[in-house]
Amino acid sequence: MQQAVVKFEDVDQVRDFVNTVSMADANFELGSGRRIVDAKSILGVFALDLAQPQRLIWDSDDRAILEGIEPFLVREKVG
């Protein structure tokens, strides 16, 4: 399992993020606290409080995934 913290500035970033993770052959979970959604679901992602950073967890060691999500990464901790 890999994890990172991501944050989105606008709707276009959410769309780009979902498109990026949807192309990967891995399972992705996005959220914070008890609210976790499938990161490949644009409706699920929009159901989150996107004003806050979100924890992304995925089940692959493919370095291309990390490169693909790099534009959305933050260095903050999620509660």
PDB file of N, CA and C in Angstrom:
ATOM      1  N   MET A   1       0.838  -1.192   0.000  1.00  0.00           N
ATOM      2  CA  MET A   1       0.000   0.000   0.000  1.00  0.00           C
ATOM      3  C   MET A   1       0.878   1.248   0.000  1.00  0.00           C
ATOM      4  N   GLN A   2       0.483   2.186  -0.799  1.00  0.00           N
ATOM      5  CA  GLN A   2       1.153   3.473  -0.875  1.00  0.00           C
ATOM      6  C   GLN A   2       0.153   4.536  -0.446  1.00  0.00           C
ATOM      7  N   GLN A   3       0.635   5.650   0.038  1.00  0.00           N
ATOM      8  CA  GLN A   3      -0.281   6.736   0.369  1.00  0.00           C
ATOM      9  C   GLN A   3       0.370   8.085   0.156  1.00  0.00           C
ATOM     10  N   ALA A   4      -0.480   9.068  -0.094  1.00  0.00           N
ATOM     11  CA  ALA A   4      -0.041  10.447  -0.296  1.00  0.00           C
ATOM     12  C   ALA A   4      -1.198  11.349   0.088  1.00  0.00           C
ATOM     13  N   VAL A   5      -0.916  12.633   0.232  1.00  0.00           N
ATOM     14  CA  VAL A   5      -1.948  13.618   0.522  1.00  0.00           C
ATOM     15  C   VAL A   5      -2.095  14.489  -0.717  1.00  0.00           C
ATOM     16  N   VAL A   6      -3.351  14.649  -1.165  1.00  0.00           N
ATOM     17  CA  VAL A   6      -3.620  15.442  -2.359  1.00  0.00           C
ATOM     18  C   VAL A   6      -4.610  16.556  -2.040  1.00  0.00           C
ATOM     19  N   LYS A   7      -4.583  17.590  -2.851  1.00  0.00           N
ATOM     20  CA  LYS A   7      -5.529  18.697  -2.716  1.00  0.00           C
ATOM     21  C   LYS A   7      -5.775  19.257  -4.106  1.00  0.00           C
ATOM     22  N   PHE A   8      -6.992  19.723  -4.328  1.00  0.00           N
ATOM     23  CA  PHE A   8      -7.397  20.230  -5.629  1.00  0.00           C
ATOM     24  C   PHE A   8      -7.757  21.699  -5.529  1.00  0.00           C
ATOM     25  N   GLU A   9      -7.333  22.464  -6.521  1.00  0.00           N
ATOM     26  CA  GLU A   9      -7.611  23.897  -6.552  1.00  0.00           C
ATOM     27  C   GLU A   9      -8.901  24.224  -7.290  1.00  0.00           C
ATOM     28  N   ASP A  10      -9.296  23.365  -8.239  1.00  0.00           N
ATOM     29  CA  ASP A  10     -10.496  23.656  -9.019  1.00  0.00           C
ATOM     30  C   ASP A  10     -11.064  22.378  -9.631  1.00  0.00           C
ATOM     31  N   VAL A  11     -12.191  22.517 -10.299  1.00  0.00           N
ATOM     32  CA  VAL A  11     -12.901  21.387 -10.897  1.00  0.00           C
ATOM     33  C   VAL A  11     -12.039  20.708 -11.961  1.00  0.00           C
ATOM     34  N   ASP A  12     -11.297  21.486 -12.719  1.00  0.00           N
ATOM     35  CA  ASP A  12     -10.445  20.905 -13.758  1.00  0.00           C
ATOM     36  C   ASP A  12      -9.383  19.993 -13.159  1.00  0.00           C
ATOM     37  N   GLN A  13      -8.841  20.358 -12.014  1.00  0.00           N
ATOM     38  CA  GLN A  13      -7.860  19.494 -11.350  1.00  0.00           C
ATOM     39  C   GLN A  13      -8.495  18.184 -10.898  1.00  0.00           C
ATOM     40  N   VAL A  14      -9.729  18.241 -10.405  1.00  0.00           N
ATOM     41  CA  VAL A  14     -10.418  17.014  -9.996  1.00  0.00           C
ATOM     42  C   VAL A  14     -10.597  16.118 -11.207  1.00  0.00           C
ATOM     43  N   ARG A  15     -11.051  16.676 -12.308  1.00  0.00           N
ATOM     44  CA  ARG A  15     -11.252  15.892 -13.534  1.00  0.00           C
ATOM     45  C   ARG A  15      -9.932  15.272 -13.992  1.00  0.00           C
ATOM     46  N   ASP A  16      -8.864  16.054 -14.003  1.00  0.00           N
ATOM     47  CA  ASP A  16      -7.561  15.541 -14.422  1.00  0.00           C
ATOM     48  C   ASP A  16      -7.069  14.436 -13.493  1.00  0.00           C
ATOM     49  N   PHE A  17      -7.272  14.612 -12.194  1.00  0.00           N
ATOM     50  CA  PHE A  17      -6.872  13.606 -11.215  1.00  0.00           C
ATOM     51  C   PHE A  17      -7.618  12.294 -11.450  1.00  0.00           C
ATOM     52  N   VAL A  18      -8.943  12.359 -11.582  1.00  0.00           N
ATOM     53  CA  VAL A  18      -9.748  11.149 -11.783  1.00  0.00           C
ATOM     54  C   VAL A  18      -9.337  10.464 -13.082  1.00  0.00           C
ATOM     55  N   ASN A  19      -9.107  11.223 -14.137  1.00  0.00           N
ATOM     56  CA  ASN A  19      -8.649  10.635 -15.399  1.00  0.00           C
ATOM     57  C   ASN A  19      -7.300   9.946 -15.231  1.00  0.00           C
ATOM     58  N   THR A  20      -6.408  10.556 -14.476  1.00  0.00           N
ATOM     59  CA  THR A  20      -5.075   9.984 -14.252  1.00  0.00           C
ATOM     60  C   THR A  20      -5.151   8.669 -13.499  1.00  0.00           C
ATOM     61  N   VAL A  21      -5.858   8.644 -12.375  1.00  0.00           N
ATOM     62  CA  VAL A  21      -5.911   7.405 -11.585  1.00  0.00           C
ATOM     63  C   VAL A  21      -6.748   6.333 -12.278  1.00  0.00           C
ATOM     64  N   SER A  22      -7.706   6.736 -13.097  1.00  0.00           N
ATOM     65  CA  SER A  22      -8.541   5.757 -13.804  1.00  0.00           C
ATOM     66  C   SER A  22      -7.738   4.956 -14.822  1.00  0.00           C
ATOM     67  N   MET A  23      -6.663   5.525 -15.325  1.00  0.00           N
ATOM     68  CA  MET A  23      -5.829   4.822 -16.303  1.00  0.00           C
ATOM     69  C   MET A  23      -4.891   3.807 -15.651  1.00  0.00           C
ATOM     70  N   ALA A  24      -4.696   3.905 -14.361  1.00  0.00           N
ATOM     71  CA  ALA A  24      -3.762   3.014 -13.664  1.00  0.00           C
ATOM     72  C   ALA A  24      -4.444   1.701 -13.295  1.00  0.00           C
ATOM     73  N   ASP A  25      -3.658   0.634 -13.331  1.00  0.00           N
ATOM     74  CA  ASP A  25      -4.160  -0.690 -12.949  1.00  0.00           C
ATOM     75  C   ASP A  25      -3.917  -0.890 -11.452  1.00  0.00           C
ATOM     76  N   ALA A  26      -4.709  -0.172 -10.650  1.00  0.00           N
ATOM     77  CA  ALA A  26      -4.594  -0.240  -9.190  1.00  0.00           C
ATOM     78  C   ALA A  26      -5.909   0.231  -8.586  1.00  0.00           C
ATOM     79  N   ASN A  27      -6.119  -0.106  -7.329  1.00  0.00           N
ATOM     80  CA  ASN A  27      -7.282   0.384  -6.588  1.00  0.00           C
ATOM     81  C   ASN A  27      -6.866   1.631  -5.824  1.00  0.00           C
ATOM     82  N   PHE A  28      -7.733   2.642  -5.835  1.00  0.00           N
ATOM     83  CA  PHE A  28      -7.452   3.910  -5.170  1.00  0.00           C
ATOM     84  C   PHE A  28      -8.581   4.261  -4.221  1.00  0.00           C
ATOM     85  N   GLU A  29      -8.241   4.687  -3.017  1.00  0.00           N
ATOM     86  CA  GLU A  29      -9.213   5.206  -2.056  1.00  0.00           C
ATOM     87  C   GLU A  29      -8.808   6.630  -1.718  1.00  0.00           C
ATOM     88  N   LEU A  30      -9.798   7.511  -1.636  1.00  0.00           N
ATOM     89  CA  LEU A  30      -9.536   8.919  -1.351  1.00  0.00           C
ATOM     90  C   LEU A  30     -10.478   9.375  -0.261  1.00  0.00           C
ATOM     91  N   GLY A  31      -9.978  10.161   0.675  1.00  0.00           N
ATOM     92  CA  GLY A  31     -10.847  10.712   1.709  1.00  0.00           C
ATOM     93  C   GLY A  31     -10.076  11.077   2.952  1.00  0.00           C
ATOM     94  N   SER A  32     -10.832  11.423   3.977  1.00  0.00           N
ATOM     95  CA  SER A  32     -10.253  11.713   5.282  1.00  0.00           C
ATOM     96  C   SER A  32     -11.266  11.306   6.337  1.00  0.00           C
ATOM     97  N   GLY A  33     -10.747  10.921   7.486  1.00  0.00           N
ATOM     98  CA  GLY A  33     -11.640  10.472   8.551  1.00  0.00           C
ATOM     99  C   GLY A  33     -12.398   9.224   8.129  1.00  0.00           C
ATOM    100  N   ARG A  34     -13.696   9.241   8.365  1.00  0.00           N
ATOM    101  CA  ARG A  34     -14.522   8.076   8.029  1.00  0.00           C
ATOM    102  C   ARG A  34     -15.084   8.126   6.612  1.00  0.00           C
ATOM    103  N   ARG A  35     -14.884   9.216   5.926  1.00  0.00           N
ATOM    104  CA  ARG A  35     -15.439   9.369   4.578  1.00  0.00           C
ATOM    105  C   ARG A  35     -14.375   9.002   3.542  1.00  0.00           C
ATOM    106  N   ILE A  36     -14.501   7.815   2.978  1.00  0.00           N
ATOM    107  CA  ILE A  36     -13.560   7.298   1.997  1.00  0.00           C
ATOM    108  C   ILE A  36     -14.346   6.911   0.744  1.00  0.00           C
ATOM    109  N   VAL A  37     -13.830   7.308  -0.428  1.00  0.00           N
ATOM    110  CA  VAL A  37     -14.501   6.999  -1.689  1.00  0.00           C
ATOM    111  C   VAL A  37     -13.510   6.372  -2.661  1.00  0.00           C
ATOM    112  N   ASP A  38     -14.033   5.781  -3.716  1.00  0.00           N
ATOM    113  CA  ASP A  38     -13.233   5.268  -4.825  1.00  0.00           C
ATOM    114  C   ASP A  38     -12.706   6.473  -5.606  1.00  0.00           C
ATOM    115  N   ALA A  39     -11.396   6.647  -5.668  1.00  0.00           N
ATOM    116  CA  ALA A  39     -10.809   7.822  -6.325  1.00  0.00           C
ATOM    117  C   ALA A  39     -11.016   7.805  -7.831  1.00  0.00           C
ATOM    118  N   LYS A  40     -11.440   6.684  -8.390  1.00  0.00           N
ATOM    119  CA  LYS A  40     -11.723   6.608  -9.821  1.00  0.00           C
ATOM    120  C   LYS A  40     -13.136   7.071 -10.145  1.00  0.00           C
ATOM    121  N   SER A  41     -13.915   7.391  -9.131  1.00  0.00           N
ATOM    122  CA  SER A  41     -15.300   7.846  -9.298  1.00  0.00           C
ATOM    123  C   SER A  41     -15.365   9.360  -9.153  1.00  0.00           C
ATOM    124  N   ILE A  42     -15.654  10.044 -10.237  1.00  0.00           N
ATOM    125  CA  ILE A  42     -15.704  11.509 -10.165  1.00  0.00           C
ATOM    126  C   ILE A  42     -16.815  11.974  -9.227  1.00  0.00           C
ATOM    127  N   LEU A  43     -17.937  11.263  -9.215  1.00  0.00           N
ATOM    128  CA  LEU A  43     -19.014  11.632  -8.291  1.00  0.00           C
ATOM    129  C   LEU A  43     -18.591  11.399  -6.847  1.00  0.00           C
ATOM    130  N   GLY A  44     -17.879  10.305  -6.606  1.00  0.00           N
ATOM    131  CA  GLY A  44     -17.385  10.045  -5.261  1.00  0.00           C
ATOM    132  C   GLY A  44     -16.424  11.113  -4.793  1.00  0.00           C
ATOM    133  N   VAL A  45     -15.518  11.509  -5.664  1.00  0.00           N
ATOM    134  CA  VAL A  45     -14.541  12.540  -5.304  1.00  0.00           C
ATOM    135  C   VAL A  45     -15.248  13.858  -5.007  1.00  0.00           C
ATOM    136  N   PHE A  46     -16.229  14.217  -5.831  1.00  0.00           N
ATOM    137  CA  PHE A  46     -16.945  15.468  -5.588  1.00  0.00           C
ATOM    138  C   PHE A  46     -17.803  15.422  -4.325  1.00  0.00           C
ATOM    139  N   ALA A  47     -18.060  14.242  -3.780  1.00  0.00           N
ATOM    140  CA  ALA A  47     -18.823  14.130  -2.537  1.00  0.00           C
ATOM    141  C   ALA A  47     -17.972  14.481  -1.313  1.00  0.00           C
ATOM    142  N   LEU A  48     -16.657  14.594  -1.507  1.00  0.00           N
ATOM    143  CA  LEU A  48     -15.754  14.915  -0.406  1.00  0.00           C
ATOM    144  C   LEU A  48     -15.676  16.423  -0.189  1.00  0.00           C
ATOM    145  N   ASP A  49     -15.145  16.815   0.955  1.00  0.00           N
ATOM    146  CA  ASP A  49     -14.886  18.228   1.243  1.00  0.00           C
ATOM    147  C   ASP A  49     -13.558  18.589   0.593  1.00  0.00           C
ATOM    148  N   LEU A  50     -13.617  19.047  -0.644  1.00  0.00           N
ATOM    149  CA  LEU A  50     -12.404  19.281  -1.410  1.00  0.00           C
ATOM    150  C   LEU A  50     -11.666  20.558  -1.011  1.00  0.00           C
ATOM    151  N   ALA A  51     -12.214  21.304  -0.059  1.00  0.00           N
ATOM    152  CA  ALA A  51     -11.487  22.457   0.476  1.00  0.00           C
ATOM    153  C   ALA A  51     -10.339  21.991   1.367  1.00  0.00           C
ATOM    154  N   GLN A  52     -10.410  20.737   1.806  1.00  0.00           N
ATOM    155  CA  GLN A  52      -9.396  20.168   2.696  1.00  0.00           C
ATOM    156  C   GLN A  52      -8.527  19.170   1.939  1.00  0.00           C
ATOM    157  N   PRO A  53      -7.275  18.989   2.363  1.00  0.00           N
ATOM    158  CA  PRO A  53      -6.439  17.935   1.776  1.00  0.00           C
ATOM    159  C   PRO A  53      -7.074  16.570   2.043  1.00  0.00           C
ATOM    160  N   GLN A  54      -6.857  15.636   1.140  1.00  0.00           N
ATOM    161  CA  GLN A  54      -7.423  14.299   1.250  1.00  0.00           C
ATOM    162  C   GLN A  54      -6.308  13.261   1.162  1.00  0.00           C
ATOM    163  N   ARG A  55      -6.458  12.162   1.885  1.00  0.00           N
ATOM    164  CA  ARG A  55      -5.476  11.081   1.850  1.00  0.00           C
ATOM    165  C   ARG A  55      -5.830  10.128   0.704  1.00  0.00           C
ATOM    166  N   LEU A  56      -4.849   9.858  -0.133  1.00  0.00           N
ATOM    167  CA  LEU A  56      -4.986   8.917  -1.239  1.00  0.00           C
ATOM    168  C   LEU A  56      -4.194   7.669  -0.907  1.00  0.00           C
ATOM    169  N   ILE A  57      -4.844   6.513  -1.008  1.00  0.00           N
ATOM    170  CA  ILE A  57      -4.193   5.231  -0.752  1.00  0.00           C
ATOM    171  C   ILE A  57      -4.379   4.366  -1.988  1.00  0.00           C
ATOM    172  N   TRP A  58      -3.297   3.703  -2.424  1.00  0.00           N
ATOM    173  CA  TRP A  58      -3.404   2.819  -3.579  1.00  0.00           C
ATOM    174  C   TRP A  58      -2.552   1.578  -3.365  1.00  0.00           C
ATOM    175  N   ASP A  59      -2.875   0.530  -4.131  1.00  0.00           N
ATOM    176  CA  ASP A  59      -2.280  -0.787  -3.906  1.00  0.00           C
ATOM    177  C   ASP A  59      -1.313  -1.203  -5.015  1.00  0.00           C
ATOM    178  N   SER A  60      -0.422  -0.309  -5.392  1.00  0.00           N
ATOM    179  CA  SER A  60       0.546  -0.623  -6.442  1.00  0.00           C
ATOM    180  C   SER A  60       1.873   0.057  -6.117  1.00  0.00           C
ATOM    181  N   ASP A  61       2.954  -0.578  -6.537  1.00  0.00           N
ATOM    182  CA  ASP A  61       4.278   0.008  -6.368  1.00  0.00           C
ATOM    183  C   ASP A  61       4.764   0.667  -7.654  1.00  0.00           C
ATOM    184  N   ASP A  62       3.901   0.811  -8.628  1.00  0.00           N
ATOM    185  CA  ASP A  62       4.243   1.404  -9.919  1.00  0.00           C
ATOM    186  C   ASP A  62       4.604   2.879  -9.726  1.00  0.00           C
ATOM    187  N   ARG A  63       5.849   3.237 -10.013  1.00  0.00           N
ATOM    188  CA  ARG A  63       6.308   4.614  -9.834  1.00  0.00           C
ATOM    189  C   ARG A  63       5.616   5.585 -10.780  1.00  0.00           C
ATOM    190  N   ALA A  64       5.074   5.096 -11.879  1.00  0.00           N
ATOM    191  CA  ALA A  64       4.365   5.955 -12.827  1.00  0.00           C
ATOM    192  C   ALA A  64       3.126   6.568 -12.175  1.00  0.00           C
ATOM    193  N   ILE A  65       2.530   5.877 -11.224  1.00  0.00           N
ATOM    194  CA  ILE A  65       1.366   6.419 -10.512  1.00  0.00           C
ATOM    195  C   ILE A  65       1.778   7.667  -9.743  1.00  0.00           C
ATOM    196  N   LEU A  66       2.858   7.573  -9.011  1.00  0.00           N
ATOM    197  CA  LEU A  66       3.332   8.720  -8.233  1.00  0.00           C
ATOM    198  C   LEU A  66       3.674   9.896  -9.147  1.00  0.00           C
ATOM    199  N   GLU A  67       4.265   9.612 -10.274  1.00  0.00           N
ATOM    200  CA  GLU A  67       4.568  10.671 -11.240  1.00  0.00           C
ATOM    201  C   GLU A  67       3.288  11.299 -11.780  1.00  0.00           C
ATOM    202  N   GLY A  68       2.264  10.482 -12.015  1.00  0.00           N
ATOM    203  CA  GLY A  68       1.002  10.982 -12.548  1.00  0.00           C
ATOM    204  C   GLY A  68       0.237  11.865 -11.568  1.00  0.00           C
ATOM    205  N   ILE A  69       0.318  11.533 -10.277  1.00  0.00           N
ATOM    206  CA  ILE A  69      -0.434  12.315  -9.287  1.00  0.00           C
ATOM    207  C   ILE A  69       0.388  13.453  -8.694  1.00  0.00           C
ATOM    208  N   GLU A  70       1.645  13.581  -9.100  1.00  0.00           N
ATOM    209  CA  GLU A  70       2.539  14.599  -8.538  1.00  0.00           C
ATOM    210  C   GLU A  70       1.956  16.015  -8.561  1.00  0.00           C
ATOM    211  N   PRO A  71       1.243  16.433  -9.607  1.00  0.00           N
ATOM    212  CA  PRO A  71       0.700  17.799  -9.600  1.00  0.00           C
ATOM    213  C   PRO A  71      -0.331  18.069  -8.492  1.00  0.00           C
ATOM    214  N   PHE A  72      -0.869  17.023  -7.881  1.00  0.00           N
ATOM    215  CA  PHE A  72      -1.930  17.177  -6.880  1.00  0.00           C
ATOM    216  C   PHE A  72      -1.422  16.968  -5.448  1.00  0.00           C
ATOM    217  N   LEU A  73      -0.160  16.620  -5.300  1.00  0.00           N
ATOM    218  CA  LEU A  73       0.397  16.304  -3.981  1.00  0.00           C
ATOM    219  C   LEU A  73       0.601  17.538  -3.119  1.00  0.00           C
ATOM    220  N   VAL A  74       0.390  17.360  -1.819  1.00  0.00           N
ATOM    221  CA  VAL A  74       0.707  18.380  -0.822  1.00  0.00           C
ATOM    222  C   VAL A  74       1.536  17.715   0.268  1.00  0.00           C
ATOM    223  N   ARG A  75       2.142  18.500   1.073  1.00  0.00           N
ATOM    224  CA  ARG A  75       2.992  17.970   2.142  1.00  0.00           C
ATOM    225  C   ARG A  75       2.341  18.088   3.515  1.00  0.00           C
ATOM    226  N   GLU A  76       1.038  18.400   3.552  1.00  0.00           N
ATOM    227  CA  GLU A  76       0.320  18.541   4.819  1.00  0.00           C
ATOM    228  C   GLU A  76      -0.162  17.186   5.321  1.00  0.00           C
ATOM    229  N   LYS A  77      -0.417  17.119   6.609  1.00  0.00           N
ATOM    230  CA  LYS A  77      -0.991  15.900   7.198  1.00  0.00           C
ATOM    231  C   LYS A  77      -2.515  16.013   7.192  1.00  0.00           C
ATOM    232  N   VAL A  78      -3.167  14.856   7.039  1.00  0.00           N
ATOM    233  CA  VAL A  78      -4.628  14.795   7.076  1.00  0.00           C
ATOM    234  C   VAL A  78      -5.030  14.180   8.398  1.00  0.00           C
ATOM    235  N   GLY A  79      -6.045  14.744   9.034  1.00  0.00           N
ATOM    236  CA  GLY A  79      -6.505  14.256  10.333  1.00  0.00           C
ATOM    237  C   GLY A  79      -7.307  13.025  10.289  1.00  0.00           C
TER     238      GLY A  79
END
